[in-house]
PDB file of all heavy atoms in Angstrom:
ATOM      1  N   PHE A   1     140.808  90.807  76.873  1.00  0.00           N
ATOM      2  CA  PHE A   1     139.527  90.665  77.526  1.00  0.00           C
ATOM      3  C   PHE A   1     138.452  91.146  76.563  1.00  0.00           C
ATOM      4  O   PHE A   1     137.411  90.543  76.365  1.00  0.00           O
ATOM      5  CB  PHE A   1     139.492  91.417  78.881  1.00  0.00           C
ATOM      6  CG  PHE A   1     140.469  91.030  79.831  1.00  0.00           C
ATOM      7  CD1 PHE A   1     141.004  91.926  80.732  1.00  0.00           C
ATOM      8  CD2 PHE A   1     140.773  89.644  79.950  1.00  0.00           C
ATOM      9  CE1 PHE A   1     141.869  91.474  81.708  1.00  0.00           C
ATOM     10  CE2 PHE A   1     141.763  89.229  80.898  1.00  0.00           C
ATOM     11  CZ  PHE A   1     142.266  90.138  81.746  1.00  0.00           C
ATOM     12  N   ALA A   2     138.654  92.349  75.965  1.00  0.00           N
ATOM     13  CA  ALA A   2     137.680  92.934  75.111  1.00  0.00           C
ATOM     14  C   ALA A   2     137.424  92.063  73.811  1.00  0.00           C
ATOM     15  O   ALA A   2     136.342  91.886  73.396  1.00  0.00           O
ATOM     16  CB  ALA A   2     138.057  94.368  74.646  1.00  0.00           C
ATOM     17  N   ARG A   3     138.582  91.417  73.375  1.00  0.00           N
ATOM     18  CA  ARG A   3     138.387  90.608  72.112  1.00  0.00           C
ATOM     19  C   ARG A   3     137.559  89.346  72.439  1.00  0.00           C
ATOM     20  O   ARG A   3     137.120  88.661  71.533  1.00  0.00           O
ATOM     21  CB  ARG A   3     139.749  90.247  71.611  1.00  0.00           C
ATOM     22  CG  ARG A   3     140.563  91.519  71.117  1.00  0.00           C
ATOM     23  CD  ARG A   3     141.986  91.149  70.808  1.00  0.00           C
ATOM     24  NE  ARG A   3     142.178  90.395  69.648  1.00  0.00           N
ATOM     25  CZ  ARG A   3     143.376  89.773  69.261  1.00  0.00           C
ATOM     26  NH1 ARG A   3     144.365  89.815  70.108  1.00  0.00           N
ATOM     27  NH2 ARG A   3     143.418  89.104  68.228  1.00  0.00           N
ATOM     28  N   GLN A   4     137.566  89.031  73.698  1.00  0.00           N
ATOM     29  CA  GLN A   4     136.689  87.837  74.160  1.00  0.00           C
ATOM     30  C   GLN A   4     135.210  88.223  74.295  1.00  0.00           C
ATOM     31  O   GLN A   4     134.398  87.403  74.587  1.00  0.00           O
ATOM     32  CB  GLN A   4     137.201  87.305  75.452  1.00  0.00           C
ATOM     33  CG  GLN A   4     138.561  86.693  75.415  1.00  0.00           C
ATOM     34  CD  GLN A   4     139.144  86.458  76.790  1.00  0.00           C
ATOM     35  OE1 GLN A   4     138.411  86.321  77.834  1.00  0.00           O
ATOM     36  NE2 GLN A   4     140.489  86.470  76.902  1.00  0.00           N
ATOM     37  N   GLY A   5     134.896  89.545  74.070  1.00  0.00           N
ATOM     38  CA  GLY A   5     133.469  90.032  74.187  1.00  0.00           C
ATOM     39  C   GLY A   5     133.206  90.539  75.480  1.00  0.00           C
ATOM     40  O   GLY A   5     132.009  90.913  75.706  1.00  0.00           O
ATOM     41  N   ILE A   6     134.181  90.684  76.386  1.00  0.00           N
ATOM     42  CA  ILE A   6     133.912  91.291  77.719  1.00  0.00           C
ATOM     43  C   ILE A   6     133.913  92.777  77.516  1.00  0.00           C
ATOM     44  O   ILE A   6     134.755  93.357  76.731  1.00  0.00           O
ATOM     45  CB  ILE A   6     135.069  90.781  78.639  1.00  0.00           C
ATOM     46  CG1 ILE A   6     135.054  89.375  78.972  1.00  0.00           C
ATOM     47  CG2 ILE A   6     134.979  91.620  79.968  1.00  0.00           C
ATOM     48  CD1 ILE A   6     136.173  88.810  79.734  1.00  0.00           C
ATOM     49  N   GLY A   7     133.096  93.488  78.281  1.00  0.00           N
ATOM     50  CA  GLY A   7     133.134  94.937  78.343  1.00  0.00           C
ATOM     51  C   GLY A   7     134.078  95.271  79.422  1.00  0.00           C
ATOM     52  O   GLY A   7     134.159  94.775  80.478  1.00  0.00           O
ATOM     53  N   VAL A   8     134.928  96.351  79.147  1.00  0.00           N
ATOM     54  CA  VAL A   8     135.921  96.751  80.131  1.00  0.00           C
ATOM     55  C   VAL A   8     135.834  98.215  80.405  1.00  0.00           C
ATOM     56  O   VAL A   8     135.689  99.101  79.540  1.00  0.00           O
ATOM     57  CB  VAL A   8     137.362  96.459  79.543  1.00  0.00           C
ATOM     58  CG1 VAL A   8     138.413  96.879  80.603  1.00  0.00           C
ATOM     59  CG2 VAL A   8     137.630  95.039  79.188  1.00  0.00           C
ATOM     60  N   ILE A   9     135.798  98.566  81.685  1.00  0.00           N
ATOM     61  CA  ILE A   9     135.959  99.980  82.192  1.00  0.00           C
ATOM     62  C   ILE A   9     137.309 100.153  82.716  1.00  0.00           C
ATOM     63  O   ILE A   9     137.741  99.364  83.579  1.00  0.00           O
ATOM     64  CB  ILE A   9     134.847 100.349  83.207  1.00  0.00           C
ATOM     65  CG1 ILE A   9     133.454 100.251  82.712  1.00  0.00           C
ATOM     66  CG2 ILE A   9     135.146 101.694  83.825  1.00  0.00           C
ATOM     67  CD1 ILE A   9     132.354 100.517  83.627  1.00  0.00           C
ATOM     68  N   PHE A  10     138.001 101.139  82.198  1.00  0.00           N
ATOM     69  CA  PHE A  10     139.496 101.306  82.449  1.00  0.00           C
ATOM     70  C   PHE A  10     139.707 102.688  83.095  1.00  0.00           C
ATOM     71  O   PHE A  10     139.485 103.687  82.343  1.00  0.00           O
ATOM     72  CB  PHE A  10     140.276 101.127  81.185  1.00  0.00           C
ATOM     73  CG  PHE A  10     141.730 101.188  81.326  1.00  0.00           C
ATOM     74  CD1 PHE A  10     142.452 100.039  81.708  1.00  0.00           C
ATOM     75  CD2 PHE A  10     142.443 102.423  81.167  1.00  0.00           C
ATOM     76  CE1 PHE A  10     143.923 100.172  81.757  1.00  0.00           C
ATOM     77  CE2 PHE A  10     143.832 102.387  81.254  1.00  0.00           C
ATOM     78  CZ  PHE A  10     144.546 101.367  81.584  1.00  0.00           C
ATOM     79  N   ILE A  11     140.101 102.777  84.308  1.00  0.00           N
ATOM     80  CA  ILE A  11     140.383 103.967  84.925  1.00  0.00           C
ATOM     81  C   ILE A  11     141.800 104.118  85.255  1.00  0.00           C
ATOM     82  O   ILE A  11     142.399 103.174  85.765  1.00  0.00           O
ATOM     83  CB  ILE A  11     139.554 104.124  86.277  1.00  0.00           C
ATOM     84  CG1 ILE A  11     138.073 104.060  86.001  1.00  0.00           C
ATOM     85  CG2 ILE A  11     139.906 105.474  87.059  1.00  0.00           C
ATOM     86  CD1 ILE A  11     137.221 104.029  87.327  1.00  0.00           C
ATOM     87  N   SER A  12     142.435 105.302  84.930  1.00  0.00           N
ATOM     88  CA  SER A  12     143.829 105.510  85.224  1.00  0.00           C
ATOM     89  C   SER A  12     144.117 106.947  85.502  1.00  0.00           C
ATOM     90  O   SER A  12     143.551 107.810  84.704  1.00  0.00           O
ATOM     91  CB  SER A  12     144.721 104.930  84.165  1.00  0.00           C
ATOM     92  OG  SER A  12     146.039 105.222  84.368  1.00  0.00           O
ATOM     93  N   SER A  13     145.015 107.277  86.388  1.00  0.00           N
ATOM     94  CA  SER A  13     145.446 108.638  86.627  1.00  0.00           C
ATOM     95  C   SER A  13     146.527 109.048  85.566  1.00  0.00           C
ATOM     96  O   SER A  13     146.859 110.202  85.477  1.00  0.00           O
ATOM     97  CB  SER A  13     145.947 108.828  88.019  1.00  0.00           C
ATOM     98  OG  SER A  13     146.985 107.905  88.305  1.00  0.00           O
ATOM     99  N   GLU A  14     147.028 108.032  84.917  1.00  0.00           N
ATOM    100  CA  GLU A  14     147.894 108.312  83.782  1.00  0.00           C
ATOM    101  C   GLU A  14     147.145 108.552  82.465  1.00  0.00           C
ATOM    102  O   GLU A  14     146.691 107.697  81.800  1.00  0.00           O
ATOM    103  CB  GLU A  14     148.937 107.187  83.582  1.00  0.00           C
ATOM    104  CG  GLU A  14     149.909 107.000  84.772  1.00  0.00           C
ATOM    105  CD  GLU A  14     151.067 106.003  84.488  1.00  0.00           C
ATOM    106  OE1 GLU A  14     151.607 106.216  83.330  1.00  0.00           O
ATOM    107  OE2 GLU A  14     151.277 105.150  85.295  1.00  0.00           O
ATOM    108  N   LEU A  15     147.052 109.789  82.135  1.00  0.00           N
ATOM    109  CA  LEU A  15     146.201 110.176  81.006  1.00  0.00           C
ATOM    110  C   LEU A  15     146.616 109.528  79.712  1.00  0.00           C
ATOM    111  O   LEU A  15     145.765 109.075  78.894  1.00  0.00           O
ATOM    112  CB  LEU A  15     146.260 111.764  80.838  1.00  0.00           C
ATOM    113  CG  LEU A  15     145.380 112.345  79.769  1.00  0.00           C
ATOM    114  CD1 LEU A  15     143.945 111.872  80.048  1.00  0.00           C
ATOM    115  CD2 LEU A  15     145.447 113.889  79.811  1.00  0.00           C
ATOM    116  N   THR A  16     147.964 109.373  79.475  1.00  0.00           N
ATOM    117  CA  THR A  16     148.432 108.659  78.279  1.00  0.00           C
ATOM    118  C   THR A  16     147.874 107.271  78.188  1.00  0.00           C
ATOM    119  O   THR A  16     147.502 106.820  77.066  1.00  0.00           O
ATOM    120  CB  THR A  16     149.927 108.642  78.304  1.00  0.00           C
ATOM    121  OG1 THR A  16     150.490 110.031  78.415  1.00  0.00           O
ATOM    122  CG2 THR A  16     150.461 108.070  76.970  1.00  0.00           C
ATOM    123  N   GLU A  17     147.762 106.653  79.339  1.00  0.00           N
ATOM    124  CA  GLU A  17     147.238 105.238  79.352  1.00  0.00           C
ATOM    125  C   GLU A  17     145.782 105.220  78.819  1.00  0.00           C
ATOM    126  O   GLU A  17     145.396 104.433  77.997  1.00  0.00           O
ATOM    127  CB  GLU A  17     147.208 104.678  80.718  1.00  0.00           C
ATOM    128  CG  GLU A  17     148.622 104.110  81.233  1.00  0.00           C
ATOM    129  CD  GLU A  17     148.504 103.368  82.525  1.00  0.00           C
ATOM    130  OE1 GLU A  17     147.439 103.466  83.215  1.00  0.00           O
ATOM    131  OE2 GLU A  17     149.416 102.607  82.832  1.00  0.00           O
ATOM    132  N   VAL A  18     144.980 106.143  79.373  1.00  0.00           N
ATOM    133  CA  VAL A  18     143.526 106.074  79.076  1.00  0.00           C
ATOM    134  C   VAL A  18     143.294 106.351  77.612  1.00  0.00           C
ATOM    135  O   VAL A  18     142.523 105.619  76.971  1.00  0.00           O
ATOM    136  CB  VAL A  18     142.811 107.102  79.947  1.00  0.00           C
ATOM    137  CG1 VAL A  18     141.307 107.146  79.637  1.00  0.00           C
ATOM    138  CG2 VAL A  18     143.027 106.868  81.466  1.00  0.00           C
ATOM    139  N   ILE A  19     143.927 107.397  77.048  1.00  0.00           N
ATOM    140  CA  ILE A  19     143.600 107.737  75.689  1.00  0.00           C
ATOM    141  C   ILE A  19     144.234 106.734  74.667  1.00  0.00           C
ATOM    142  O   ILE A  19     143.766 106.774  73.537  1.00  0.00           O
ATOM    143  CB  ILE A  19     144.027 109.257  75.477  1.00  0.00           C
ATOM    144  CG1 ILE A  19     145.585 109.353  75.557  1.00  0.00           C
ATOM    145  CG2 ILE A  19     143.327 110.156  76.325  1.00  0.00           C
ATOM    146  CD1 ILE A  19     146.090 110.762  75.188  1.00  0.00           C
ATOM    147  N   ASN A  20     145.167 105.978  75.126  1.00  0.00           N
ATOM    148  CA  ASN A  20     145.745 105.085  74.237  1.00  0.00           C
ATOM    149  C   ASN A  20     145.193 103.658  74.262  1.00  0.00           C
ATOM    150  O   ASN A  20     145.230 102.835  73.393  1.00  0.00           O
ATOM    151  CB  ASN A  20     147.270 104.941  74.298  1.00  0.00           C
ATOM    152  CG  ASN A  20     147.930 106.175  73.671  1.00  0.00           C
ATOM    153  OD1 ASN A  20     148.095 106.289  72.484  1.00  0.00           O
ATOM    154  ND2 ASN A  20     148.423 107.106  74.510  1.00  0.00           N
ATOM    155  N   VAL A  21     144.667 103.252  75.440  1.00  0.00           N
ATOM    156  CA  VAL A  21     144.119 101.938  75.711  1.00  0.00           C
ATOM    157  C   VAL A  21     142.564 101.891  75.413  1.00  0.00           C
ATOM    158  O   VAL A  21     142.086 100.921  74.792  1.00  0.00           O
ATOM    159  CB  VAL A  21     144.406 101.392  77.130  1.00  0.00           C
ATOM    160  CG1 VAL A  21     143.798 100.054  77.363  1.00  0.00           C
ATOM    161  CG2 VAL A  21     145.967 101.273  77.346  1.00  0.00           C
ATOM    162  N   ALA A  22     141.953 102.932  75.775  1.00  0.00           N
ATOM    163  CA  ALA A  22     140.400 102.952  75.745  1.00  0.00           C
ATOM    164  C   ALA A  22     139.969 103.265  74.310  1.00  0.00           C
ATOM    165  O   ALA A  22     140.616 103.994  73.573  1.00  0.00           O
ATOM    166  CB  ALA A  22     139.895 103.992  76.662  1.00  0.00           C
ATOM    167  N   ASP A  23     138.867 102.607  73.977  1.00  0.00           N
ATOM    168  CA  ASP A  23     138.231 102.882  72.640  1.00  0.00           C
ATOM    169  C   ASP A  23     137.389 104.158  72.735  1.00  0.00           C
ATOM    170  O   ASP A  23     137.286 104.903  71.785  1.00  0.00           O
ATOM    171  CB  ASP A  23     137.352 101.701  72.226  1.00  0.00           C
ATOM    172  CG  ASP A  23     138.160 100.428  72.012  1.00  0.00           C
ATOM    173  OD1 ASP A  23     139.101 100.357  71.229  1.00  0.00           O
ATOM    174  OD2 ASP A  23     137.830  99.431  72.804  1.00  0.00           O
ATOM    175  N   THR A  24     136.783 104.292  73.883  1.00  0.00           N
ATOM    176  CA  THR A  24     135.975 105.527  74.137  1.00  0.00           C
ATOM    177  C   THR A  24     136.365 106.068  75.567  1.00  0.00           C
ATOM    178  O   THR A  24     136.490 105.246  76.476  1.00  0.00           O
ATOM    179  CB  THR A  24     134.506 105.186  74.121  1.00  0.00           C
ATOM    180  OG1 THR A  24     134.106 104.625  72.930  1.00  0.00           O
ATOM    181  CG2 THR A  24     133.603 106.463  74.406  1.00  0.00           C
ATOM    182  N   THR A  25     136.607 107.303  75.683  1.00  0.00           N
ATOM    183  CA  THR A  25     136.962 107.936  76.933  1.00  0.00           C
ATOM    184  C   THR A  25     135.898 108.967  77.476  1.00  0.00           C
ATOM    185  O   THR A  25     135.550 109.873  76.728  1.00  0.00           O
ATOM    186  CB  THR A  25     138.377 108.602  76.895  1.00  0.00           C
ATOM    187  OG1 THR A  25     139.295 107.711  76.627  1.00  0.00           O
ATOM    188  CG2 THR A  25     138.706 109.330  78.254  1.00  0.00           C
ATOM    189  N   TYR A  26     135.386 108.733  78.628  1.00  0.00           N
ATOM    190  CA  TYR A  26     134.518 109.680  79.313  1.00  0.00           C
ATOM    191  C   TYR A  26     135.290 110.521  80.226  1.00  0.00           C
ATOM    192  O   TYR A  26     136.093 109.936  81.034  1.00  0.00           O
ATOM    193  CB  TYR A  26     133.305 108.938  80.021  1.00  0.00           C
ATOM    194  CG  TYR A  26     132.309 108.280  79.160  1.00  0.00           C
ATOM    195  CD1 TYR A  26     132.460 106.980  78.756  1.00  0.00           C
ATOM    196  CD2 TYR A  26     131.207 109.016  78.761  1.00  0.00           C
ATOM    197  CE1 TYR A  26     131.490 106.377  77.970  1.00  0.00           C
ATOM    198  CE2 TYR A  26     130.264 108.443  77.968  1.00  0.00           C
ATOM    199  CZ  TYR A  26     130.358 107.160  77.524  1.00  0.00           C
ATOM    200  OH  TYR A  26     129.428 106.535  76.770  1.00  0.00           O
ATOM    201  N   VAL A  27     135.104 111.788  80.252  1.00  0.00           N
ATOM    202  CA  VAL A  27     135.898 112.675  81.064  1.00  0.00           C
ATOM    203  C   VAL A  27     135.031 113.196  82.192  1.00  0.00           C
ATOM    204  O   VAL A  27     133.872 113.575  81.877  1.00  0.00           O
ATOM    205  CB  VAL A  27     136.534 113.834  80.243  1.00  0.00           C
ATOM    206  CG1 VAL A  27     137.396 114.720  81.114  1.00  0.00           C
ATOM    207  CG2 VAL A  27     137.292 113.325  78.996  1.00  0.00           C
ATOM    208  N   MET A  28     135.521 113.266  83.404  1.00  0.00           N
ATOM    209  CA  MET A  28     134.691 113.758  84.527  1.00  0.00           C
ATOM    210  C   MET A  28     135.359 114.876  85.282  1.00  0.00           C
ATOM    211  O   MET A  28     136.618 115.056  85.301  1.00  0.00           O
ATOM    212  CB  MET A  28     134.530 112.605  85.575  1.00  0.00           C
ATOM    213  CG  MET A  28     133.717 111.408  85.017  1.00  0.00           C
ATOM    214  SD  MET A  28     133.222 110.304  86.311  1.00  0.00           S
ATOM    215  CE  MET A  28     132.118 111.275  87.251  1.00  0.00           C
ATOM    216  N   ARG A  29     134.599 115.679  85.901  1.00  0.00           N
ATOM    217  CA  ARG A  29     134.928 116.682  86.789  1.00  0.00           C
ATOM    218  C   ARG A  29     133.786 116.932  87.787  1.00  0.00           C
ATOM    219  O   ARG A  29     132.576 117.010  87.401  1.00  0.00           O
ATOM    220  CB  ARG A  29     135.239 118.020  86.039  1.00  0.00           C
ATOM    221  CG  ARG A  29     135.658 119.178  87.002  1.00  0.00           C
ATOM    222  CD  ARG A  29     135.772 120.516  86.354  1.00  0.00           C
ATOM    223  NE  ARG A  29     135.822 121.495  87.361  1.00  0.00           N
ATOM    224  CZ  ARG A  29     136.894 122.210  87.688  1.00  0.00           C
ATOM    225  NH1 ARG A  29     138.075 121.940  87.107  1.00  0.00           N
ATOM    226  NH2 ARG A  29     136.856 123.153  88.537  1.00  0.00           N
ATOM    227  N   ASP A  30     134.150 117.070  89.046  1.00  0.00           N
ATOM    228  CA  ASP A  30     133.163 117.369  90.126  1.00  0.00           C
ATOM    229  C   ASP A  30     131.976 116.426  90.049  1.00  0.00           C
ATOM    230  O   ASP A  30     130.842 116.883  90.242  1.00  0.00           O
ATOM    231  CB  ASP A  30     132.687 118.794  89.994  1.00  0.00           C
ATOM    232  CG  ASP A  30     133.840 119.866  90.210  1.00  0.00           C
ATOM    233  OD1 ASP A  30     134.745 119.504  90.977  1.00  0.00           O
ATOM    234  OD2 ASP A  30     133.797 120.950  89.609  1.00  0.00           O
ATOM    235  N   GLY A  31     132.192 115.161  89.905  1.00  0.00           N
ATOM    236  CA  GLY A  31     131.173 114.177  89.945  1.00  0.00           C
ATOM    237  C   GLY A  31     130.289 114.134  88.729  1.00  0.00           C
ATOM    238  O   GLY A  31     129.203 113.502  88.699  1.00  0.00           O
ATOM    239  N   MET A  32     130.643 114.843  87.651  1.00  0.00           N
ATOM    240  CA  MET A  32     129.842 114.885  86.427  1.00  0.00           C
ATOM    241  C   MET A  32     130.660 114.524  85.219  1.00  0.00           C
ATOM    242  O   MET A  32     131.821 114.701  85.224  1.00  0.00           O
ATOM    243  CB  MET A  32     129.270 116.353  86.248  1.00  0.00           C
ATOM    244  CG  MET A  32     128.456 116.907  87.405  1.00  0.00           C
ATOM    245  SD  MET A  32     128.015 118.544  87.244  1.00  0.00           S
ATOM    246  CE  MET A  32     126.880 118.475  85.768  1.00  0.00           C
ATOM    247  N   ILE A  33     130.012 113.990  84.171  1.00  0.00           N
ATOM    248  CA  ILE A  33     130.627 113.716  82.894  1.00  0.00           C
ATOM    249  C   ILE A  33     130.650 114.992  82.102  1.00  0.00           C
ATOM    250  O   ILE A  33     129.582 115.553  81.896  1.00  0.00           O
ATOM    251  CB  ILE A  33     129.972 112.558  82.202  1.00  0.00           C
ATOM    252  CG1 ILE A  33     130.329 111.264  82.899  1.00  0.00           C
ATOM    253  CG2 ILE A  33     130.464 112.445  80.686  1.00  0.00           C
ATOM    254  CD1 ILE A  33     129.631 110.023  82.306  1.00  0.00           C
TER     255      ILE A  33
END
């Protein structure tokens, strides 16, 4: 999808997934980045 020029937001409770699939990862706690 990304290679087609689409922007992707990827959320997962599996941390390994997020850090290996995402190009950039935003980390949140208590409603804040």
